[in-house]
């Protein structure tokens, strides 16, 4: 004979299972067990509009469909990755969402869970360019691209390629109104260096070519920026005329300013990158896998990318006509090797400080 407690426990288990079966797009068994465990899913997060858009376009529908709860922990990406390495027995978050170089350090430290096809079936829908480099342990969540941002009223005939941009900048054609990223401030300076090297020499690892280009342009550069917002701010505030900048942020500013700024995809391809998403070992692994699967799926990716003007790594996403005209195609972008960057970036920063920033 069942006790009253046993009846109640059985009823709760049946209710949990029935709710999980109502979410066919997710890894159902993992979701049921994660809900039964009674734990929320903690997500590493940066902040700003990225965080608010994650809440409205990714988390809210996920919670509605699954009954699971997600809590974001905003903060500096590197600091959060270091906190995980310092306390792996009690991870501060369940889902990693951060830089590629930090992810590789965590992966090498055996702190990331390999994603199984059963738990994260949407991983199979990710373009190899955004998936294979992470060895089955993660995926790019999105991608943004660094190309050439400029003021159309000042630059009536903008450069079409990286090579043309370098040559015309070096010749003084744009005056002292050019801006470029700092190498050490987390604004994709290393990625731009590798992309310039590839455009000018055909080999992204021939960074001497990239440094030679930076040296040639040096006299025309009035600012090496340190914030993702700087390119648009410099253009809108009439401080700069042309430089490297992000596609999505420039397009948003273009629409809000009545076309005061614009963006070019260089012929050799923009420098593109984005955060890596993965499951942390030792946390709520099943709930985290369910969230990762949802986040990289086409149903969640499309509204997020439409809101942020970002590209999606999922091959099934079909952009609106307006966004499709703006987002660089996957085949056209340069995504540098994060292991190559991580191995060399300290030496590049030292060289940049000595030869370019001084």
Protein backbone atom coordinates (compact mmCIF):
# COMPACT_ATOMS: atom_id res chain seq x y z
CA UNK A 1 0.00 0.00 0.00
CA UNK A 2 1.29 3.46 -0.90
CA UNK A 3 1.74 6.06 1.84
CA UNK A 4 0.25 9.53 1.43
CA UNK A 5 3.78 10.90 1.00
CA UNK A 6 4.45 8.34 -1.74
CA UNK A 7 1.26 9.32 -3.55
CA UNK A 8 2.21 12.98 -3.48
CA UNK A 9 5.74 12.19 -4.70
CA UNK A 10 4.37 10.07 -7.53
CA UNK A 11 1.98 12.83 -8.55
CA UNK A 12 4.82 15.38 -8.63
CA UNK A 13 6.96 13.10 -10.80
CA UNK A 14 4.10 12.57 -13.26
CA UNK A 15 3.43 16.30 -13.43
CA UNK A 16 7.09 17.08 -14.14
CA UNK A 17 7.30 14.44 -16.85
CA UNK A 18 4.12 15.64 -18.53
CA UNK A 19 5.36 19.22 -18.65
CA UNK A 20 8.69 18.16 -20.11
CA UNK A 21 7.04 16.20 -22.89
CA UNK A 22 5.32 19.42 -23.96
CA UNK A 23 8.70 20.84 -25.07
CA UNK A 24 9.61 18.76 -28.14
CA UNK A 25 12.24 21.17 -29.41
CA UNK A 26 14.47 20.54 -26.38
CA UNK A 27 16.25 17.52 -24.96
CA UNK A 28 13.19 16.35 -23.04
CA UNK A 29 14.66 13.82 -20.65
CA UNK A 30 17.41 16.19 -19.58
CA UNK A 31 14.88 18.97 -18.96
CA UNK A 32 12.69 16.73 -16.80
CA UNK A 33 15.60 15.71 -14.62
CA UNK A 34 16.89 19.29 -14.36
CA UNK A 35 13.45 20.51 -13.24
CA UNK A 36 13.14 17.64 -10.77
CA UNK A 37 16.47 18.63 -9.26
CA UNK A 38 14.88 21.97 -8.37
CA UNK A 39 17.84 24.07 -9.48
CA UNK A 40 17.91 27.18 -11.60
CA UNK A 41 20.28 27.58 -14.52
CA UNK A 42 22.93 30.24 -13.95
CA UNK A 43 24.23 31.94 -17.09
CA UNK A 44 27.49 33.87 -17.36
CA UNK A 45 26.74 37.24 -18.97
CA UNK A 46 28.45 40.47 -19.99
CA UNK A 47 25.73 43.12 -19.75
CA UNK A 48 24.14 46.03 -21.61
CA UNK A 49 21.82 45.58 -24.56
CA UNK A 50 23.26 42.11 -25.14
CA UNK A 51 21.98 41.05 -21.72
CA UNK A 52 18.55 42.65 -22.07
CA UNK A 53 18.07 41.11 -25.51
CA UNK A 54 19.12 37.71 -24.16
CA UNK A 55 16.42 38.06 -21.52
CA UNK A 56 13.61 38.97 -23.91
CA UNK A 57 14.54 36.90 -26.98
CA UNK A 58 16.20 33.83 -25.46
CA UNK A 59 15.42 33.37 -21.76
CA UNK A 60 11.77 34.44 -21.55
CA UNK A 61 10.54 32.00 -24.23
CA UNK A 62 12.80 29.25 -22.85
CA UNK A 63 11.30 29.64 -19.37
CA UNK A 64 7.77 29.72 -20.75
CA UNK A 65 8.30 26.50 -22.72
CA UNK A 66 10.14 24.51 -20.08
CA UNK A 67 9.26 25.84 -16.63
CA UNK A 68 12.98 26.11 -15.91
CA UNK A 69 14.37 29.30 -14.43
CA UNK A 70 17.46 31.13 -15.68
CA UNK A 71 19.50 33.67 -13.73
CA UNK A 72 22.17 35.79 -15.40
CA UNK A 73 25.37 36.86 -13.62
CA UNK A 74 26.61 40.05 -15.35
CA UNK A 75 30.26 40.98 -15.12
CA UNK A 76 33.61 41.07 -16.83
CA UNK A 77 34.09 37.96 -18.99
CA UNK A 78 37.69 37.32 -17.98
CA UNK A 79 36.98 37.83 -14.30
CA UNK A 80 34.12 35.34 -14.43
CA UNK A 81 36.24 32.77 -16.25
CA UNK A 82 38.96 33.21 -13.62
CA UNK A 83 36.39 32.74 -10.86
CA UNK A 84 35.42 29.39 -12.35
CA UNK A 85 39.04 28.27 -12.58
CA UNK A 86 39.56 29.30 -8.95
CA UNK A 87 36.56 27.32 -7.68
CA UNK A 88 35.78 24.41 -10.04
CA UNK A 89 34.20 22.31 -7.27
CA UNK A 90 31.42 24.89 -6.88
CA UNK A 91 31.09 26.62 -10.27
CA UNK A 92 29.62 30.15 -10.14
CA UNK A 93 27.59 29.53 -13.29
CA UNK A 94 26.27 26.61 -15.34
CA UNK A 95 26.49 28.05 -18.85
CA UNK A 96 29.64 29.68 -20.16
CA UNK A 97 29.08 32.58 -22.60
CA UNK A 98 32.30 34.45 -23.22
CA UNK A 99 35.52 34.93 -25.14
CA UNK A 100 37.14 32.16 -27.15
CA UNK A 101 40.55 32.43 -25.49
CA UNK A 102 39.07 32.17 -21.99
CA UNK A 103 36.97 29.22 -23.13
CA UNK A 104 40.06 27.38 -24.36
CA UNK A 105 41.75 27.85 -20.98
CA UNK A 106 38.69 26.34 -19.29
CA UNK A 107 38.58 23.52 -21.81
CA UNK A 108 42.24 22.69 -21.25
CA UNK A 109 41.58 22.68 -17.50
CA UNK A 110 38.84 20.04 -17.99
CA UNK A 111 36.09 22.37 -16.76
CA UNK A 112 33.76 22.11 -19.78
CA UNK A 113 31.31 19.31 -20.62
CA UNK A 114 31.37 17.71 -24.07
CA UNK A 115 28.02 18.30 -25.79
CA UNK A 116 26.26 15.09 -26.70
CA UNK A 117 24.02 14.93 -29.81
CA UNK A 118 21.14 13.74 -27.63
CA UNK A 119 21.36 16.68 -25.20
CA UNK A 120 22.24 19.37 -27.77
CA UNK A 121 20.90 18.25 -31.16
CA UNK A 122 21.00 21.80 -32.53
CA UNK A 123 24.80 21.64 -32.52
CA UNK A 124 24.49 19.70 -35.79
CA UNK A 125 22.84 22.75 -37.38
CA UNK A 126 25.82 25.03 -36.68
CA UNK A 127 28.15 25.90 -39.57
CA UNK A 128 31.47 24.04 -39.19
CA UNK A 129 33.31 27.40 -39.13
CA UNK A 130 31.65 28.15 -35.78
CA UNK A 131 31.59 24.64 -34.34
CA UNK A 132 34.57 22.47 -35.29
CA UNK A 133 37.19 24.67 -33.64
CA UNK A 134 35.62 23.96 -30.24
CA UNK A 135 36.04 20.19 -30.59
CA UNK A 136 32.46 19.29 -29.67
CA UNK A 137 32.52 21.22 -26.40
CA UNK A 138 30.86 24.44 -27.55
CA UNK A 139 29.69 26.69 -30.34
CA UNK A 140 29.77 30.32 -31.30
CA UNK A 141 26.49 31.84 -30.16
CA UNK A 142 26.50 34.64 -32.75
CA UNK A 143 28.97 36.64 -34.81
CA UNK A 144 29.59 40.33 -35.34
CA UNK A 145 31.99 41.70 -37.92
CA UNK A 146 34.61 44.45 -37.93
CA UNK A 147 34.78 46.27 -41.23
CA UNK A 148 35.12 49.93 -42.19
CA UNK A 149 32.81 52.47 -40.55
CA UNK A 150 32.71 55.99 -41.97
CA UNK A 151 30.90 59.28 -42.46
CA UNK A 152 29.35 59.41 -45.97
CA UNK A 153 29.23 63.21 -45.91
CA UNK A 154 33.02 63.36 -45.44
CA UNK A 155 34.14 60.25 -47.33
CA UNK A 156 32.19 60.38 -50.59
CA UNK A 157 34.25 57.62 -52.22
CA UNK A 158 34.98 55.11 -49.45
CA UNK A 159 37.59 52.35 -49.81
CA UNK A 160 36.27 49.00 -50.95
CA UNK A 161 39.00 46.82 -49.46
CA UNK A 162 41.40 46.59 -46.54
CA UNK A 163 44.32 47.20 -48.88
CA UNK A 164 42.74 50.36 -50.27
CA UNK A 165 41.91 51.55 -46.75
CA UNK A 166 45.53 51.09 -45.66
CA UNK A 167 47.02 52.75 -48.76
CA UNK A 168 44.71 55.77 -48.73
CA UNK A 169 45.12 56.23 -44.97
CA UNK A 170 48.91 56.02 -45.29
CA UNK A 171 48.81 58.58 -48.11
CA UNK A 172 47.04 61.04 -45.79
CA UNK A 173 43.88 61.14 -47.88
CA UNK A 174 41.63 61.04 -44.80
CA UNK A 175 43.73 63.49 -42.78
CA UNK A 176 44.16 62.84 -39.07
CA UNK A 177 40.63 61.53 -38.66
CA UNK A 178 41.18 57.76 -38.66
CA UNK A 179 40.48 55.50 -35.67
CA UNK A 180 41.68 51.96 -35.03
CA UNK A 181 41.31 49.46 -32.15
CA UNK A 182 43.75 49.19 -29.31
CA UNK A 183 45.60 45.89 -29.26
CA UNK A 184 45.10 45.24 -25.55
CA UNK A 185 41.64 46.54 -24.69
CA UNK A 186 39.40 43.67 -25.79
CA UNK A 187 38.08 45.52 -28.86
CA UNK A 188 39.21 42.93 -31.45
CA UNK A 189 42.62 44.48 -32.07
CA UNK A 190 44.29 41.06 -32.51
CA UNK A 191 41.51 39.93 -34.87
CA UNK A 192 41.94 43.08 -36.98
CA UNK A 193 45.72 42.55 -37.04
CA UNK A 194 45.30 38.98 -38.34
CA UNK A 195 42.70 40.09 -40.90
CA UNK A 196 44.93 42.88 -42.19
CA UNK A 197 47.81 40.41 -42.43
CA UNK A 198 45.68 38.01 -44.43
CA UNK A 199 44.42 40.76 -46.75
CA UNK A 200 47.90 42.11 -47.47
CA UNK A 201 50.01 38.95 -47.58
CA UNK A 202 47.53 36.12 -48.09
CA UNK A 203 48.55 34.62 -44.74
CA UNK A 204 46.84 35.64 -41.51
CA UNK A 205 49.73 34.33 -39.45
CA UNK A 206 52.19 36.63 -41.22
CA UNK A 207 51.59 39.40 -38.70
CA UNK A 208 54.62 41.33 -39.89
CA UNK A 209 52.42 42.41 -42.82
CA UNK A 210 49.72 43.59 -40.44
CA UNK A 211 52.16 45.50 -38.26
CA UNK A 212 53.68 47.11 -41.36
CA UNK A 213 50.20 48.32 -42.32
CA UNK A 214 49.60 49.76 -38.84
CA UNK A 215 52.97 51.51 -39.02
CA UNK A 216 52.12 53.04 -42.40
CA UNK A 217 48.80 54.39 -41.10
CA UNK A 218 50.14 55.62 -37.78
CA UNK A 219 50.49 59.33 -38.64
CA UNK A 220 46.82 59.56 -39.68
CA UNK A 221 45.37 57.80 -36.62
CA UNK A 222 44.06 60.21 -33.99
CA UNK A 223 42.65 57.57 -31.63
CA UNK A 224 43.16 53.91 -30.76
CA UNK A 225 39.81 53.17 -29.20
CA UNK A 226 39.17 51.02 -26.12
CA UNK A 227 35.38 50.58 -26.14
CA UNK A 228 33.02 48.77 -28.50
CA UNK A 229 30.91 51.94 -28.63
CA UNK A 230 33.79 54.23 -29.59
CA UNK A 231 33.65 53.95 -33.42
CA UNK A 232 30.01 55.06 -33.62
CA UNK A 233 30.50 57.73 -30.94
CA UNK A 234 33.56 59.16 -32.72
CA UNK A 235 31.65 59.36 -36.00
CA UNK A 236 28.47 60.86 -34.57
CA UNK A 237 30.43 63.40 -32.48
CA UNK A 238 32.28 64.64 -35.60
CA UNK A 239 35.64 63.57 -34.16
CA UNK A 240 36.41 60.89 -36.71
CA UNK A 241 35.71 60.30 -40.38
CA UNK A 242 36.67 56.68 -40.95
CA UNK A 243 38.07 53.62 -39.19
CA UNK A 244 37.37 50.08 -38.12
CA UNK A 245 33.96 49.43 -36.59
CA UNK A 246 31.22 46.86 -36.04
CA UNK A 247 28.48 46.10 -38.52
CA UNK A 248 25.49 45.89 -36.18
CA UNK A 249 26.30 48.92 -34.05
CA UNK A 250 26.99 51.04 -37.13
CA UNK A 251 23.78 49.96 -38.86
CA UNK A 252 21.72 50.78 -35.76
CA UNK A 253 23.39 54.22 -35.62
CA UNK A 254 22.80 54.64 -39.37
CA UNK A 255 19.07 54.11 -38.95
CA UNK A 256 18.78 56.24 -35.82
CA UNK A 257 20.83 59.16 -37.24
CA UNK A 258 19.20 59.34 -40.66
CA UNK A 259 22.19 57.88 -42.46
CA UNK A 260 24.93 59.97 -40.83
CA UNK A 261 27.19 56.89 -40.56
CA UNK A 262 27.63 53.80 -42.70
CA UNK A 263 29.58 50.53 -42.85
CA UNK A 264 31.51 48.63 -45.53
CA UNK A 265 32.31 44.94 -45.79
CA UNK A 266 35.87 44.94 -47.23
CA UNK A 267 36.38 42.79 -50.30
CA UNK A 268 38.83 40.53 -48.46
CA UNK A 269 36.23 39.93 -45.75
CA UNK A 270 35.64 41.50 -42.33
CA UNK A 271 37.18 40.30 -39.07
CA UNK A 272 34.41 38.37 -37.36
CA UNK A 273 34.00 36.79 -33.96
CA UNK A 274 31.49 36.22 -31.21
CA UNK A 275 31.02 34.63 -27.80
CA UNK A 276 31.33 30.88 -27.23
CA UNK A 277 28.50 29.11 -25.43
CA UNK A 278 29.11 25.89 -23.50
CA UNK A 279 28.12 23.78 -20.47
CA UNK A 280 30.24 24.02 -17.32
CA UNK A 281 31.26 20.82 -15.57
CA UNK A 282 29.91 20.22 -12.07
CA UNK A 283 26.93 22.57 -12.18
CA UNK A 284 23.37 22.04 -13.40
CA UNK A 285 24.66 20.26 -16.50
CA UNK A 286 21.34 18.96 -17.79
CA UNK A 287 19.55 22.27 -17.43
CA UNK A 288 22.53 24.05 -18.97
CA UNK A 289 22.54 21.71 -21.96
CA UNK A 290 18.85 22.39 -22.51
CA UNK A 291 19.46 26.15 -22.49
CA UNK A 292 22.46 25.87 -24.83
CA UNK A 293 20.42 23.75 -27.24
CA UNK A 294 17.58 26.30 -27.27
CA UNK A 295 19.93 29.29 -27.56
CA UNK A 296 21.71 28.01 -30.68
CA UNK A 297 18.50 26.79 -32.31
CA UNK A 298 17.00 28.70 -35.23
CA UNK A 299 13.81 29.59 -33.37
CA UNK A 300 15.75 31.53 -30.73
CA UNK A 301 18.57 32.73 -32.97
CA UNK A 302 16.43 34.58 -35.51
CA UNK A 303 14.69 37.06 -33.13
CA UNK A 304 17.94 37.66 -31.23
CA UNK A 305 19.96 38.41 -34.37
CA UNK A 306 17.21 40.57 -35.84
CA UNK A 307 17.18 42.67 -32.65
CA UNK A 308 20.97 42.97 -32.35
CA UNK A 309 21.94 43.10 -36.07
CA UNK A 310 24.22 40.10 -35.51
CA UNK A 311 24.91 37.10 -37.70
CA UNK A 312 23.78 33.62 -36.71
CA UNK A 313 25.99 30.50 -36.75
CA UNK A 314 22.88 28.34 -37.35
CA UNK A 315 22.45 27.34 -40.99
CA UNK A 316 18.64 27.20 -40.66
CA UNK A 317 18.17 30.89 -39.76
CA UNK A 318 16.49 32.95 -42.48
CA UNK A 319 16.95 36.68 -41.90
CA UNK A 320 14.45 39.33 -42.79
CA UNK A 321 15.12 40.95 -46.15
CA UNK A 322 16.45 44.10 -44.46
CA UNK A 323 18.95 42.24 -42.28
CA UNK A 324 19.99 39.81 -45.01
CA UNK A 325 21.28 42.76 -47.07
CA UNK A 326 23.53 43.87 -44.22
CA UNK A 327 24.92 40.82 -42.43
CA UNK A 328 28.12 39.46 -44.06
CA UNK A 329 27.63 35.92 -45.29
CA UNK A 330 29.35 33.10 -43.42
CA UNK A 331 31.47 32.32 -46.48
CA UNK A 332 32.80 35.91 -46.59
CA UNK A 333 33.98 36.43 -43.03
CA UNK A 334 37.37 35.81 -41.40
CA UNK A 335 37.17 34.06 -38.03
CA UNK A 336 40.71 33.94 -36.58
CA UNK A 337 42.02 30.90 -34.74
CA UNK A 338 41.67 31.64 -31.01
CA UNK A 339 44.50 29.29 -30.09
CA UNK A 340 46.80 31.21 -32.43
CA UNK A 341 45.63 34.50 -30.93
CA UNK A 342 46.01 33.30 -27.36
CA UNK A 343 49.50 31.97 -27.99
CA UNK A 344 50.77 35.23 -29.48
CA UNK A 345 48.69 38.12 -28.17
CA UNK A 346 51.04 39.04 -25.30
CA UNK A 347 53.94 39.48 -27.71
CA UNK A 348 51.73 41.45 -30.09
CA UNK A 349 50.65 43.82 -27.31
CA UNK A 350 54.28 44.43 -26.37
CA UNK A 351 55.18 45.08 -30.00
CA UNK A 352 52.16 47.33 -30.51
CA UNK A 353 52.97 49.38 -27.42
CA UNK A 354 56.56 49.80 -28.58
CA UNK A 355 56.10 50.43 -32.31
CA UNK A 356 52.56 51.74 -32.81
CA UNK A 357 51.12 53.32 -29.67
CA UNK A 358 54.28 55.20 -28.68
